[in-house]
Amino acid sequence: MIRRALVAAAVAAAALVALPTAPAQAQACPINYHCITTYYSDSAHTTEIGLRDEACDGTLYVWGTRSIYVDLYWSPC
């Protein structure tokens, strides 16, 4: 009985570890800020692969692809 419970607990723990996770999301741009999010291909930030530029007037410029490797720049309007 105890052996069966231990096996069930081990299987449950392995299932939790194997669950896929979503990539991290960039933070939302605060009101009255100009925000630029730059996306890179790796943790060394050597190759830029995308950009999201949110201007003070609400204009949004986006190109490329997103990744988990980002630089955030926020500037008050």
PDB file of N, CA and C in Angstrom:
ATOM      1  N   MET A   1       0.813  -1.185   0.000  1.00  0.00           N
ATOM      2  CA  MET A   1       0.000   0.000   0.000  1.00  0.00           C
ATOM      3  C   MET A   1       0.863   1.258   0.000  1.00  0.00           C
ATOM      4  N   ILE A   2       1.840   1.319   0.872  1.00  0.00           N
ATOM      5  CA  ILE A   2       2.730   2.477   0.934  1.00  0.00           C
ATOM      6  C   ILE A   2       3.549   2.561  -0.351  1.00  0.00           C
ATOM      7  N   ARG A   3       3.961   1.404  -0.858  1.00  0.00           N
ATOM      8  CA  ARG A   3       4.747   1.370  -2.089  1.00  0.00           C
ATOM      9  C   ARG A   3       3.950   1.964  -3.250  1.00  0.00           C
ATOM     10  N   ARG A   4       2.674   1.629  -3.340  1.00  0.00           N
ATOM     11  CA  ARG A   4       1.823   2.141  -4.403  1.00  0.00           C
ATOM     12  C   ARG A   4       1.674   3.672  -4.279  1.00  0.00           C
ATOM     13  N   ALA A   5       1.558   4.159  -3.069  1.00  0.00           N
ATOM     14  CA  ALA A   5       1.441   5.602  -2.851  1.00  0.00           C
ATOM     15  C   ALA A   5       2.737   6.323  -3.238  1.00  0.00           C
ATOM     16  N   LEU A   6       3.872   5.723  -2.939  1.00  0.00           N
ATOM     17  CA  LEU A   6       5.153   6.322  -3.310  1.00  0.00           C
ATOM     18  C   LEU A   6       5.329   6.362  -4.826  1.00  0.00           C
ATOM     19  N   VAL A   7       4.918   5.299  -5.500  1.00  0.00           N
ATOM     20  CA  VAL A   7       5.004   5.271  -6.959  1.00  0.00           C
ATOM     21  C   VAL A   7       4.090   6.344  -7.556  1.00  0.00           C
ATOM     22  N   ALA A   8       2.888   6.486  -7.043  1.00  0.00           N
ATOM     23  CA  ALA A   8       1.953   7.489  -7.531  1.00  0.00           C
ATOM     24  C   ALA A   8       2.512   8.901  -7.309  1.00  0.00           C
ATOM     25  N   ALA A   9       3.134   9.130  -6.171  1.00  0.00           N
ATOM     26  CA  ALA A   9       3.723  10.438  -5.888  1.00  0.00           C
ATOM     27  C   ALA A   9       4.885  10.729  -6.834  1.00  0.00           C
ATOM     28  N   ALA A  10       5.702   9.724  -7.130  1.00  0.00           N
ATOM     29  CA  ALA A  10       6.823   9.903  -8.048  1.00  0.00           C
ATOM     30  C   ALA A  10       6.336  10.208  -9.458  1.00  0.00           C
ATOM     31  N   VAL A  11       5.287   9.523  -9.900  1.00  0.00           N
ATOM     32  CA  VAL A  11       4.733   9.773 -11.228  1.00  0.00           C
ATOM     33  C   VAL A  11       4.149  11.186 -11.301  1.00  0.00           C
ATOM     34  N   ALA A  12       3.454  11.611 -10.276  1.00  0.00           N
ATOM     35  CA  ALA A  12       2.878  12.956 -10.245  1.00  0.00           C
ATOM     36  C   ALA A  12       3.976  14.015 -10.278  1.00  0.00           C
ATOM     37  N   ALA A  13       5.043  13.816  -9.531  1.00  0.00           N
ATOM     38  CA  ALA A  13       6.152  14.766  -9.513  1.00  0.00           C
ATOM     39  C   ALA A  13       6.832  14.833 -10.877  1.00  0.00           C
ATOM     40  N   ALA A  14       7.009  13.708 -11.529  1.00  0.00           N
ATOM     41  CA  ALA A  14       7.626  13.687 -12.855  1.00  0.00           C
ATOM     42  C   ALA A  14       6.738  14.400 -13.869  1.00  0.00           C
ATOM     43  N   ALA A  15       5.427  14.255 -13.747  1.00  0.00           N
ATOM     44  CA  ALA A  15       4.504  14.918 -14.666  1.00  0.00           C
ATOM     45  C   ALA A  15       4.577  16.440 -14.502  1.00  0.00           C
ATOM     46  N   LEU A  16       4.715  16.924 -13.289  1.00  0.00           N
ATOM     47  CA  LEU A  16       4.821  18.363 -13.057  1.00  0.00           C
ATOM     48  C   LEU A  16       6.097  18.938 -13.642  1.00  0.00           C
ATOM     49  N   VAL A  17       7.179  18.202 -13.568  1.00  0.00           N
ATOM     50  CA  VAL A  17       8.452  18.664 -14.108  1.00  0.00           C
ATOM     51  C   VAL A  17       8.400  18.694 -15.630  1.00  0.00           C
ATOM     52  N   ALA A  18       7.676  17.786 -16.234  1.00  0.00           N
ATOM     53  CA  ALA A  18       7.640  17.672 -17.687  1.00  0.00           C
ATOM     54  C   ALA A  18       6.658  18.641 -18.350  1.00  0.00           C
ATOM     55  N   LEU A  19       5.862  19.374 -17.593  1.00  0.00           N
ATOM     56  CA  LEU A  19       4.897  20.287 -18.189  1.00  0.00           C
ATOM     57  C   LEU A  19       5.611  21.408 -18.936  1.00  0.00           C
ATOM     58  N   PRO A  20       5.178  21.723 -20.151  1.00  0.00           N
ATOM     59  CA  PRO A  20       5.806  22.824 -20.882  1.00  0.00           C
ATOM     60  C   PRO A  20       5.420  24.156 -20.268  1.00  0.00           C
ATOM     61  N   THR A  21       6.287  25.116 -20.400  1.00  0.00           N
ATOM     62  CA  THR A  21       6.006  26.449 -19.884  1.00  0.00           C
ATOM     63  C   THR A  21       5.983  27.439 -21.040  1.00  0.00           C
ATOM     64  N   ALA A  22       5.225  28.467 -20.903  1.00  0.00           N
ATOM     65  CA  ALA A  22       5.149  29.511 -21.921  1.00  0.00           C
ATOM     66  C   ALA A  22       6.321  30.466 -21.755  1.00  0.00           C
ATOM     67  N   PRO A  23       6.754  31.107 -22.847  1.00  0.00           N
ATOM     68  CA  PRO A  23       7.831  32.086 -22.717  1.00  0.00           C
ATOM     69  C   PRO A  23       7.402  33.276 -21.861  1.00  0.00           C
ATOM     70  N   ALA A  24       8.357  33.881 -21.227  1.00  0.00           N
ATOM     71  CA  ALA A  24       8.065  35.043 -20.394  1.00  0.00           C
ATOM     72  C   ALA A  24       7.509  36.172 -21.240  1.00  0.00           C
ATOM     73  N   GLN A  25       6.568  36.886 -20.694  1.00  0.00           N
ATOM     74  CA  GLN A  25       5.960  38.003 -21.401  1.00  0.00           C
ATOM     75  C   GLN A  25       6.581  39.308 -20.902  1.00  0.00           C
ATOM     76  N   ALA A  26       6.777  40.212 -21.835  1.00  0.00           N
ATOM     77  CA  ALA A  26       7.300  41.522 -21.452  1.00  0.00           C
ATOM     78  C   ALA A  26       6.252  42.276 -20.635  1.00  0.00           C
ATOM     79  N   GLN A  27       6.710  43.163 -19.796  1.00  0.00           N
ATOM     80  CA  GLN A  27       5.800  43.941 -18.963  1.00  0.00           C
ATOM     81  C   GLN A  27       5.046  44.960 -19.810  1.00  0.00           C
ATOM     82  N   ALA A  28       3.837  45.276 -19.385  1.00  0.00           N
ATOM     83  CA  ALA A  28       3.026  46.273 -20.091  1.00  0.00           C
ATOM     84  C   ALA A  28       3.635  47.654 -19.909  1.00  0.00           C
ATOM     85  N   CYS A  29       3.478  48.474 -20.930  1.00  0.00           N
ATOM     86  CA  CYS A  29       3.990  49.845 -20.895  1.00  0.00           C
ATOM     87  C   CYS A  29       3.068  50.707 -20.037  1.00  0.00           C
ATOM     88  N   PRO A  30       3.599  51.383 -19.013  1.00  0.00           N
ATOM     89  CA  PRO A  30       2.767  52.244 -18.175  1.00  0.00           C
ATOM     90  C   PRO A  30       2.230  53.447 -18.960  1.00  0.00           C
ATOM     91  N   ILE A  31       1.138  54.013 -18.509  1.00  0.00           N
ATOM     92  CA  ILE A  31       0.559  55.196 -19.126  1.00  0.00           C
ATOM     93  C   ILE A  31       1.546  56.357 -19.005  1.00  0.00           C
ATOM     94  N   ASN A  32       1.623  57.170 -20.034  1.00  0.00           N
ATOM     95  CA  ASN A  32       2.513  58.330 -20.111  1.00  0.00           C
ATOM     96  C   ASN A  32       3.994  57.956 -20.114  1.00  0.00           C
ATOM     97  N   TYR A  33       4.305  56.820 -20.738  1.00  0.00           N
ATOM     98  CA  TYR A  33       5.691  56.392 -20.925  1.00  0.00           C
ATOM     99  C   TYR A  33       5.910  56.003 -22.369  1.00  0.00           C
ATOM    100  N   HIS A  34       7.117  56.192 -22.857  1.00  0.00           N
ATOM    101  CA  HIS A  34       7.547  55.678 -24.149  1.00  0.00           C
ATOM    102  C   HIS A  34       8.335  54.410 -23.834  1.00  0.00           C
ATOM    103  N   CYS A  35       7.892  53.283 -24.383  1.00  0.00           N
ATOM    104  CA  CYS A  35       8.494  51.994 -24.050  1.00  0.00           C
ATOM    105  C   CYS A  35       9.027  51.305 -25.298  1.00  0.00           C
ATOM    106  N   ILE A  36      10.236  50.811 -25.201  1.00  0.00           N
ATOM    107  CA  ILE A  36      10.839  50.040 -26.282  1.00  0.00           C
ATOM    108  C   ILE A  36      11.271  48.697 -25.700  1.00  0.00           C
ATOM    109  N   THR A  37      10.777  47.629 -26.291  1.00  0.00           N
ATOM    110  CA  THR A  37      11.173  46.277 -25.922  1.00  0.00           C
ATOM    111  C   THR A  37      11.941  45.687 -27.087  1.00  0.00           C
ATOM    112  N   THR A  38      13.191  45.308 -26.861  1.00  0.00           N
ATOM    113  CA  THR A  38      14.026  44.715 -27.900  1.00  0.00           C
ATOM    114  C   THR A  38      14.191  43.235 -27.594  1.00  0.00           C
ATOM    115  N   TYR A  39      13.948  42.390 -28.594  1.00  0.00           N
ATOM    116  CA  TYR A  39      14.031  40.936 -28.440  1.00  0.00           C
ATOM    117  C   TYR A  39      15.311  40.425 -29.096  1.00  0.00           C
ATOM    118  N   TYR A  40      15.978  39.494 -28.407  1.00  0.00           N
ATOM    119  CA  TYR A  40      17.241  38.938 -28.893  1.00  0.00           C
ATOM    120  C   TYR A  40      17.131  37.426 -29.060  1.00  0.00           C
ATOM    121  N   SER A  41      18.029  36.875 -29.865  1.00  0.00           N
ATOM    122  CA  SER A  41      17.980  35.444 -30.165  1.00  0.00           C
ATOM    123  C   SER A  41      18.559  34.573 -29.045  1.00  0.00           C
ATOM    124  N   ASP A  42      19.402  35.160 -28.183  1.00  0.00           N
ATOM    125  CA  ASP A  42      20.010  34.363 -27.116  1.00  0.00           C
ATOM    126  C   ASP A  42      20.302  35.245 -25.900  1.00  0.00           C
ATOM    127  N   SER A  43      20.755  34.604 -24.851  1.00  0.00           N
ATOM    128  CA  SER A  43      20.990  35.320 -23.595  1.00  0.00           C
ATOM    129  C   SER A  43      22.158  36.307 -23.670  1.00  0.00           C
ATOM    130  N   ALA A  44      23.028  36.175 -24.665  1.00  0.00           N
ATOM    131  CA  ALA A  44      24.152  37.105 -24.822  1.00  0.00           C
ATOM    132  C   ALA A  44      23.718  38.424 -25.462  1.00  0.00           C
ATOM    133  N   HIS A  45      22.485  38.484 -25.965  1.00  0.00           N
ATOM    134  CA  HIS A  45      21.926  39.682 -26.595  1.00  0.00           C
ATOM    135  C   HIS A  45      22.789  40.172 -27.757  1.00  0.00           C
ATOM    136  N   THR A  46      23.277  39.243 -28.568  1.00  0.00           N
ATOM    137  CA  THR A  46      24.129  39.603 -29.697  1.00  0.00           C
ATOM    138  C   THR A  46      23.346  39.846 -30.980  1.00  0.00           C
ATOM    139  N   THR A  47      22.233  39.140 -31.179  1.00  0.00           N
ATOM    140  CA  THR A  47      21.468  39.267 -32.417  1.00  0.00           C
ATOM    141  C   THR A  47      20.046  39.720 -32.113  1.00  0.00           C
ATOM    142  N   GLU A  48      19.716  40.919 -32.575  1.00  0.00           N
ATOM    143  CA  GLU A  48      18.372  41.465 -32.384  1.00  0.00           C
ATOM    144  C   GLU A  48      17.432  40.794 -33.391  1.00  0.00           C
ATOM    145  N   ILE A  49      16.310  40.258 -32.879  1.00  0.00           N
ATOM    146  CA  ILE A  49      15.376  39.564 -33.771  1.00  0.00           C
ATOM    147  C   ILE A  49      13.998  40.220 -33.810  1.00  0.00           C
ATOM    148  N   GLY A  50      13.766  41.214 -32.955  1.00  0.00           N
ATOM    149  CA  GLY A  50      12.468  41.872 -32.954  1.00  0.00           C
ATOM    150  C   GLY A  50      12.460  43.109 -32.078  1.00  0.00           C
ATOM    151  N   LEU A  51      11.394  43.910 -32.252  1.00  0.00           N
ATOM    152  CA  LEU A  51      11.283  45.155 -31.498  1.00  0.00           C
ATOM    153  C   LEU A  51       9.813  45.515 -31.345  1.00  0.00           C
ATOM    154  N   ARG A  52       9.465  46.092 -30.212  1.00  0.00           N
ATOM    155  CA  ARG A  52       8.132  46.643 -29.962  1.00  0.00           C
ATOM    156  C   ARG A  52       8.339  48.042 -29.400  1.00  0.00           C
ATOM    157  N   ASP A  53       7.852  49.045 -30.119  1.00  0.00           N
ATOM    158  CA  ASP A  53       8.041  50.447 -29.750  1.00  0.00           C
ATOM    159  C   ASP A  53       6.662  51.066 -29.533  1.00  0.00           C
ATOM    160  N   GLU A  54       6.362  51.465 -28.289  1.00  0.00           N
ATOM    161  CA  GLU A  54       5.089  52.086 -27.937  1.00  0.00           C
ATOM    162  C   GLU A  54       5.357  53.551 -27.603  1.00  0.00           C
ATOM    163  N   ALA A  55       4.906  54.439 -28.490  1.00  0.00           N
ATOM    164  CA  ALA A  55       5.161  55.875 -28.327  1.00  0.00           C
ATOM    165  C   ALA A  55       4.163  56.506 -27.362  1.00  0.00           C
ATOM    166  N   CYS A  56       4.481  57.711 -26.926  1.00  0.00           N
ATOM    167  CA  CYS A  56       3.635  58.433 -25.973  1.00  0.00           C
ATOM    168  C   CYS A  56       2.247  58.731 -26.528  1.00  0.00           C
ATOM    169  N   ASP A  57       2.141  58.893 -27.850  1.00  0.00           N
ATOM    170  CA  ASP A  57       0.847  59.205 -28.457  1.00  0.00           C
ATOM    171  C   ASP A  57       0.019  57.961 -28.768  1.00  0.00           C
ATOM    172  N   GLY A  58       0.509  56.796 -28.359  1.00  0.00           N
ATOM    173  CA  GLY A  58      -0.223  55.553 -28.579  1.00  0.00           C
ATOM    174  C   GLY A  58       0.177  54.802 -29.833  1.00  0.00           C
ATOM    175  N   THR A  59       1.058  55.384 -30.627  1.00  0.00           N
ATOM    176  CA  THR A  59       1.530  54.718 -31.834  1.00  0.00           C
ATOM    177  C   THR A  59       2.321  53.471 -31.458  1.00  0.00           C
ATOM    178  N   LEU A  60       2.046  52.382 -32.161  1.00  0.00           N
ATOM    179  CA  LEU A  60       2.716  51.109 -31.892  1.00  0.00           C
ATOM    180  C   LEU A  60       3.444  50.664 -33.147  1.00  0.00           C
ATOM    181  N   TYR A  61       4.727  50.371 -33.014  1.00  0.00           N
ATOM    182  CA  TYR A  61       5.543  49.856 -34.108  1.00  0.00           C
ATOM    183  C   TYR A  61       6.119  48.525 -33.659  1.00  0.00           C
ATOM    184  N   VAL A  62       5.866  47.473 -34.441  1.00  0.00           N
ATOM    185  CA  VAL A  62       6.348  46.129 -34.094  1.00  0.00           C
ATOM    186  C   VAL A  62       6.959  45.498 -35.334  1.00  0.00           C
ATOM    187  N   TRP A  63       8.112  44.843 -35.161  1.00  0.00           N
ATOM    188  CA  TRP A  63       8.685  44.058 -36.250  1.00  0.00           C
ATOM    189  C   TRP A  63       9.405  42.849 -35.673  1.00  0.00           C
ATOM    190  N   GLY A  64       9.614  41.836 -36.493  1.00  0.00           N
ATOM    191  CA  GLY A  64      10.372  40.658 -36.103  1.00  0.00           C
ATOM    192  C   GLY A  64       9.576  39.696 -35.248  1.00  0.00           C
ATOM    193  N   THR A  65      10.303  38.932 -34.453  1.00  0.00           N
ATOM    194  CA  THR A  65       9.696  37.927 -33.585  1.00  0.00           C
ATOM    195  C   THR A  65      10.065  38.195 -32.138  1.00  0.00           C
ATOM    196  N   ARG A  66       9.261  37.624 -31.245  1.00  0.00           N
ATOM    197  CA  ARG A  66       9.519  37.772 -29.809  1.00  0.00           C
ATOM    198  C   ARG A  66      10.324  36.584 -29.302  1.00  0.00           C
ATOM    199  N   SER A  67      10.991  36.776 -28.193  1.00  0.00           N
ATOM    200  CA  SER A  67      11.709  35.701 -27.509  1.00  0.00           C
ATOM    201  C   SER A  67      11.727  36.022 -26.015  1.00  0.00           C
ATOM    202  N   ILE A  68      12.320  35.126 -25.255  1.00  0.00           N
ATOM    203  CA  ILE A  68      12.405  35.341 -23.804  1.00  0.00           C
ATOM    204  C   ILE A  68      13.571  36.260 -23.433  1.00  0.00           C
ATOM    205  N   TYR A  69      14.430  36.580 -24.402  1.00  0.00           N
ATOM    206  CA  TYR A  69      15.601  37.418 -24.138  1.00  0.00           C
ATOM    207  C   TYR A  69      15.280  38.851 -24.551  1.00  0.00           C
ATOM    208  N   VAL A  70      15.054  39.720 -23.575  1.00  0.00           N
ATOM    209  CA  VAL A  70      14.601  41.079 -23.865  1.00  0.00           C
ATOM    210  C   VAL A  70      15.410  42.132 -23.115  1.00  0.00           C
ATOM    211  N   ASP A  71      15.404  43.324 -23.696  1.00  0.00           N
ATOM    212  CA  ASP A  71      15.850  44.541 -23.030  1.00  0.00           C
ATOM    213  C   ASP A  71      14.655  45.467 -23.010  1.00  0.00           C
ATOM    214  N   LEU A  72      14.392  46.096 -21.866  1.00  0.00           N
ATOM    215  CA  LEU A  72      13.279  47.016 -21.730  1.00  0.00           C
ATOM    216  C   LEU A  72      13.831  48.436 -21.532  1.00  0.00           C
ATOM    217  N   TYR A  73      13.240  49.379 -22.251  1.00  0.00           N
ATOM    218  CA  TYR A  73      13.600  50.788 -22.084  1.00  0.00           C
ATOM    219  C   TYR A  73      12.305  51.567 -21.862  1.00  0.00           C
ATOM    220  N   TRP A  74      12.189  52.255 -20.740  1.00  0.00           N
ATOM    221  CA  TRP A  74      11.025  53.071 -20.426  1.00  0.00           C
ATOM    222  C   TRP A  74      11.486  54.496 -20.181  1.00  0.00           C
ATOM    223  N   SER A  75      10.765  55.447 -20.782  1.00  0.00           N
ATOM    224  CA  SER A  75      11.097  56.851 -20.602  1.00  0.00           C
ATOM    225  C   SER A  75       9.791  57.632 -20.406  1.00  0.00           C
ATOM    226  N   PRO A  76       9.711  58.469 -19.363  1.00  0.00           N
ATOM    227  CA  PRO A  76       8.484  59.264 -19.166  1.00  0.00           C
ATOM    228  C   PRO A  76       8.271  60.216 -20.343  1.00  0.00           C
ATOM    229  N   CYS A  77       7.009  60.435 -20.675  1.00  0.00           N
ATOM    230  CA  CYS A  77       6.659  61.357 -21.777  1.00  0.00           C
ATOM    231  C   CYS A  77       6.802  62.798 -21.343  1.00  0.00           C
TER     232      CYS A  77
END
